[in-house]
Amino acid sequence: MMLNSALAPKMGSYRAKTSGFTLIELMVAVSITAVIGVIAATILSTMLANHKQVLHEEKSLLALERALQIMRSDIEHLAIRPLIKSINQDENYVPSTDQNQIIGDESRLEFSIYSQQPSSVEIEQSLNRVRYQLIDGALTRESIGTDYPSPNQEWRSDILLYEVTELNFSYFYDRWENSLLNDKKYPAAVRISLNTKRWQAFDLIGKMSGVDQ
């Protein structure tokens, strides 16, 4: 009995020591917690960066889609008007078109569009002039509310798309041409090809209604 009572304090002291943490154990635990925190912060930062990149890509695609839709809508509403001239008893006369109504080459396109706007009384009809070109790396649409603008009139300028590296127009007759053909009828369609710093090789074809081939 005396032996057991003598060992009791020592065993209790041993249990007390083993139930706590040594300084080394605490340092290891703190280090592990710190590493886990760094990993978690890195993962969170990467997730946020990826999410931001996805949003930026989505915004860029929406801007590209909007620009192409506007251009196609304009081309499909291009005003087709015949050139009025005297036949002069020419048996070989072929009705032509007013080439001034559409002006363009491989890098620039200008034409008139027909539009309708509802009002409180009736549907208002109008002819407006638009032109597309690349200015300082930006796809630019210029417009003016008349079919015959004078040289001193100011055009409205809207940037549809930034960071455009290449813009090309081609015109379909019997085949695709890089420029409008003089003394010919209107092209049946216009193809817009563009490259941007982010997106490459986008083609859009706008069919011109009212053109006979």
Protein backbone atom coordinates (compact mmCIF):
# COMPACT_ATOMS: atom_id res chain seq x y z
CA MET A 1 0.00 0.00 0.00
CA MET A 2 2.82 2.40 0.78
CA LEU A 3 4.41 1.62 -2.60
CA ASN A 4 1.28 2.49 -4.47
CA SER A 5 0.87 5.75 -2.59
CA ALA A 6 4.48 6.66 -3.37
CA LEU A 7 4.05 6.05 -7.10
CA ALA A 8 0.77 7.94 -7.36
CA PRO A 9 2.26 11.49 -7.44
CA LYS A 10 4.80 10.47 -10.10
CA MET A 11 2.16 8.91 -12.36
CA GLY A 12 -0.09 11.93 -12.00
CA SER A 13 2.79 14.21 -12.89
CA TYR A 14 3.54 12.11 -15.99
CA ARG A 15 -0.08 12.24 -17.14
CA ALA A 16 -0.09 16.00 -16.71
CA LYS A 17 2.99 16.36 -18.86
CA THR A 18 1.74 14.12 -21.66
CA SER A 19 -1.64 15.90 -21.92
CA GLY A 20 -0.10 19.27 -22.96
CA PHE A 21 1.96 20.51 -26.01
CA THR A 22 5.64 21.12 -26.09
CA LEU A 23 7.05 24.30 -27.64
CA ILE A 24 8.20 22.39 -30.72
CA GLU A 25 4.74 20.90 -31.19
CA LEU A 26 3.17 24.35 -30.95
CA MET A 27 5.63 25.75 -33.49
CA VAL A 28 4.88 22.90 -35.89
CA ALA A 29 1.14 23.42 -35.48
CA VAL A 30 1.46 27.16 -36.11
CA SER A 31 3.63 26.52 -39.18
CA ILE A 32 1.12 24.05 -40.61
CA THR A 33 -1.72 26.51 -40.02
CA ALA A 34 0.27 29.25 -41.74
CA VAL A 35 0.99 27.03 -44.74
CA ILE A 36 -2.68 26.09 -45.01
CA GLY A 37 -3.58 29.78 -44.86
CA VAL A 38 -1.13 30.65 -47.63
CA ILE A 39 -2.44 27.82 -49.81
CA ALA A 40 -6.04 28.89 -49.22
CA ALA A 41 -5.22 32.52 -50.01
CA THR A 42 -3.40 31.49 -53.20
CA ILE A 43 -6.31 29.33 -54.33
CA LEU A 44 -8.78 32.13 -53.62
CA SER A 45 -6.62 34.66 -55.47
CA THR A 46 -6.33 32.33 -58.46
CA MET A 47 -10.08 31.74 -58.49
CA LEU A 48 -10.77 35.47 -58.41
CA ALA A 49 -8.24 36.11 -61.18
CA ASN A 50 -9.75 33.35 -63.33
CA HIS A 51 -13.24 34.71 -62.74
CA LYS A 52 -12.09 38.20 -63.71
CA GLN A 53 -10.47 36.82 -66.87
CA VAL A 54 -13.65 34.94 -67.80
CA LEU A 55 -15.72 38.10 -67.36
CA HIS A 56 -13.25 40.06 -69.51
CA GLU A 57 -13.36 37.43 -72.25
CA GLU A 58 -17.15 37.39 -72.15
CA LYS A 59 -17.29 41.19 -72.39
CA SER A 60 -14.92 41.14 -75.37
CA LEU A 61 -17.01 38.54 -77.17
CA LEU A 62 -20.22 40.49 -76.55
CA ALA A 63 -18.60 43.65 -77.96
CA LEU A 64 -17.48 41.73 -81.05
CA GLU A 65 -20.92 40.19 -81.52
CA ARG A 66 -22.59 43.60 -81.18
CA ALA A 67 -20.26 45.20 -83.74
CA LEU A 68 -20.88 42.44 -86.29
CA GLN A 69 -24.65 42.62 -85.77
CA ILE A 70 -24.67 46.39 -86.36
CA MET A 71 -22.62 46.05 -89.54
CA ARG A 72 -24.77 43.26 -90.91
CA SER A 73 -27.97 45.18 -90.15
CA ASP A 74 -26.65 48.25 -91.97
CA ILE A 75 -25.63 46.23 -95.03
CA GLU A 76 -28.98 44.46 -95.17
CA HIS A 77 -30.74 47.86 -95.11
CA LEU A 78 -28.58 49.38 -97.83
CA ALA A 79 -30.71 51.55 -100.12
CA ILE A 80 -30.74 50.25 -103.67
CA ARG A 81 -31.48 52.97 -106.21
CA PRO A 82 -31.13 52.81 -110.00
CA LEU A 83 -29.13 55.39 -111.89
CA ILE A 84 -31.48 57.49 -114.01
CA LYS A 85 -30.10 58.25 -117.45
CA SER A 86 -31.30 58.58 -121.02
CA ILE A 87 -31.47 55.50 -123.21
CA ASN A 88 -30.73 57.59 -126.33
CA GLN A 89 -31.94 54.85 -128.67
CA ASP A 90 -29.11 52.60 -127.56
CA GLU A 91 -30.22 49.05 -128.25
CA ASN A 92 -27.44 47.72 -126.04
CA TYR A 93 -28.41 49.87 -123.06
CA VAL A 94 -28.34 48.03 -119.76
CA PRO A 95 -29.84 49.68 -116.65
CA SER A 96 -27.05 50.49 -114.24
CA THR A 97 -26.90 51.64 -110.64
CA ASP A 98 -25.79 54.83 -108.97
CA GLN A 99 -22.23 53.97 -107.99
CA ASN A 100 -22.12 56.97 -105.66
CA GLN A 101 -24.61 55.25 -103.41
CA ILE A 102 -22.02 52.71 -102.34
CA ILE A 103 -18.35 53.63 -102.12
CA GLY A 104 -15.78 51.18 -100.89
CA ASP A 105 -12.55 49.34 -101.30
CA GLU A 106 -10.70 46.72 -99.30
CA SER A 107 -10.43 48.85 -96.15
CA ARG A 108 -13.36 51.28 -96.23
CA LEU A 109 -17.08 51.13 -96.97
CA GLU A 110 -19.66 53.90 -97.29
CA PHE A 111 -23.32 53.65 -98.32
CA SER A 112 -26.86 54.85 -97.64
CA ILE A 113 -29.31 52.95 -95.50
CA TYR A 114 -33.08 53.07 -95.43
CA SER A 115 -34.74 53.22 -92.04
CA GLN A 116 -38.22 53.55 -90.58
CA GLN A 117 -39.05 55.17 -87.25
CA PRO A 118 -42.54 55.08 -85.71
CA SER A 119 -43.99 58.40 -84.58
CA SER A 120 -47.24 59.41 -82.92
CA VAL A 121 -48.80 60.04 -86.33
CA GLU A 122 -47.17 57.74 -88.87
CA ILE A 123 -44.10 55.75 -89.77
CA GLU A 124 -41.31 58.13 -90.69
CA GLN A 125 -38.98 57.01 -93.45
CA SER A 126 -35.46 58.29 -93.92
CA LEU A 127 -32.21 57.73 -95.75
CA ASN A 128 -29.00 58.04 -93.76
CA ARG A 129 -25.38 57.76 -94.74
CA VAL A 130 -22.97 55.44 -92.90
CA ARG A 131 -19.34 54.52 -93.37
CA TYR A 132 -17.00 52.02 -91.77
CA GLN A 133 -13.24 52.18 -91.47
CA LEU A 134 -10.37 51.37 -89.16
CA ILE A 135 -9.03 54.39 -87.24
CA ASP A 136 -6.07 53.93 -84.89
CA GLY A 137 -6.91 50.29 -84.27
CA ALA A 138 -10.61 50.94 -83.63
CA LEU A 139 -13.49 49.78 -85.81
CA THR A 140 -15.36 53.03 -86.37
CA ARG A 141 -18.89 53.63 -87.65
CA GLU A 142 -19.65 57.15 -88.83
CA SER A 143 -23.18 58.24 -89.65
CA ILE A 144 -25.08 61.33 -90.74
CA GLY A 145 -28.82 61.92 -91.05
CA THR A 146 -28.92 62.70 -94.75
CA ASP A 147 -28.40 60.86 -98.00
CA TYR A 148 -26.40 63.69 -99.57
CA PRO A 149 -24.08 65.18 -96.94
CA SER A 150 -22.15 68.31 -97.80
CA PRO A 151 -18.38 68.45 -97.18
CA ASN A 152 -18.75 70.77 -94.18
CA GLN A 153 -21.34 68.66 -92.37
CA GLU A 154 -20.22 66.81 -89.27
CA TRP A 155 -20.59 63.05 -89.04
CA ARG A 156 -21.32 61.23 -85.82
CA SER A 157 -18.52 58.84 -84.91
CA ASP A 158 -19.03 55.68 -82.82
CA ILE A 159 -16.33 53.18 -81.93
CA LEU A 160 -17.75 49.67 -82.20
CA LEU A 161 -14.65 47.67 -81.34
CA TYR A 162 -11.17 48.32 -80.00
CA GLU A 163 -7.88 46.50 -80.62
CA VAL A 164 -8.71 45.63 -84.23
CA THR A 165 -5.56 44.66 -86.11
CA GLU A 166 -7.09 44.09 -89.55
CA LEU A 167 -10.32 45.04 -91.34
CA ASN A 168 -11.09 43.97 -94.91
CA PHE A 169 -14.15 44.28 -97.13
CA SER A 170 -14.86 42.16 -100.18
CA TYR A 171 -17.79 42.24 -102.60
CA PHE A 172 -19.60 39.40 -104.31
CA TYR A 173 -20.55 39.64 -107.97
CA ASP A 174 -19.94 36.40 -109.83
CA ARG A 175 -17.08 35.92 -107.40
CA TRP A 176 -15.56 37.78 -104.45
CA GLU A 177 -13.74 40.99 -105.38
CA ASN A 178 -11.55 43.21 -103.21
CA SER A 179 -13.15 46.37 -104.58
CA LEU A 180 -16.39 47.56 -106.11
CA LEU A 181 -16.55 47.07 -109.86
CA ASN A 182 -17.28 50.23 -111.81
CA ASP A 183 -20.08 50.20 -114.38
CA LYS A 184 -21.48 47.11 -112.76
CA LYS A 185 -24.54 46.50 -110.68
CA TYR A 186 -24.45 46.36 -106.94
CA PRO A 187 -22.72 43.37 -105.33
CA ALA A 188 -25.08 40.74 -104.00
CA ALA A 189 -23.29 40.59 -100.67
CA VAL A 190 -20.52 42.20 -98.67
CA ARG A 191 -18.06 40.20 -96.61
CA ILE A 192 -16.36 41.75 -93.60
CA SER A 193 -13.20 40.06 -92.34
CA LEU A 194 -11.53 41.25 -89.18
CA ASN A 195 -8.86 40.26 -86.71
CA THR A 196 -8.39 41.58 -83.21
CA LYS A 197 -5.59 41.20 -80.73
CA ARG A 198 -7.72 38.69 -78.84
CA TRP A 199 -9.79 37.03 -81.58
CA GLN A 200 -8.68 36.00 -85.04
CA ALA A 201 -10.28 35.34 -88.44
CA PHE A 202 -13.86 36.51 -88.00
CA ASP A 203 -15.92 36.68 -91.21
CA LEU A 204 -19.38 38.13 -91.60
CA ILE A 205 -21.42 38.11 -94.80
CA GLY A 206 -24.26 40.57 -95.19
CA LYS A 207 -26.61 39.96 -98.10
CA MET A 208 -27.92 43.03 -99.90
CA SER A 209 -31.65 42.70 -100.46
CA GLY A 210 -33.09 43.79 -103.79
CA VAL A 211 -30.00 42.97 -105.83
CA ASP A 212 -30.51 40.74 -108.85
CA GLN A 213 -27.66 38.57 -110.03
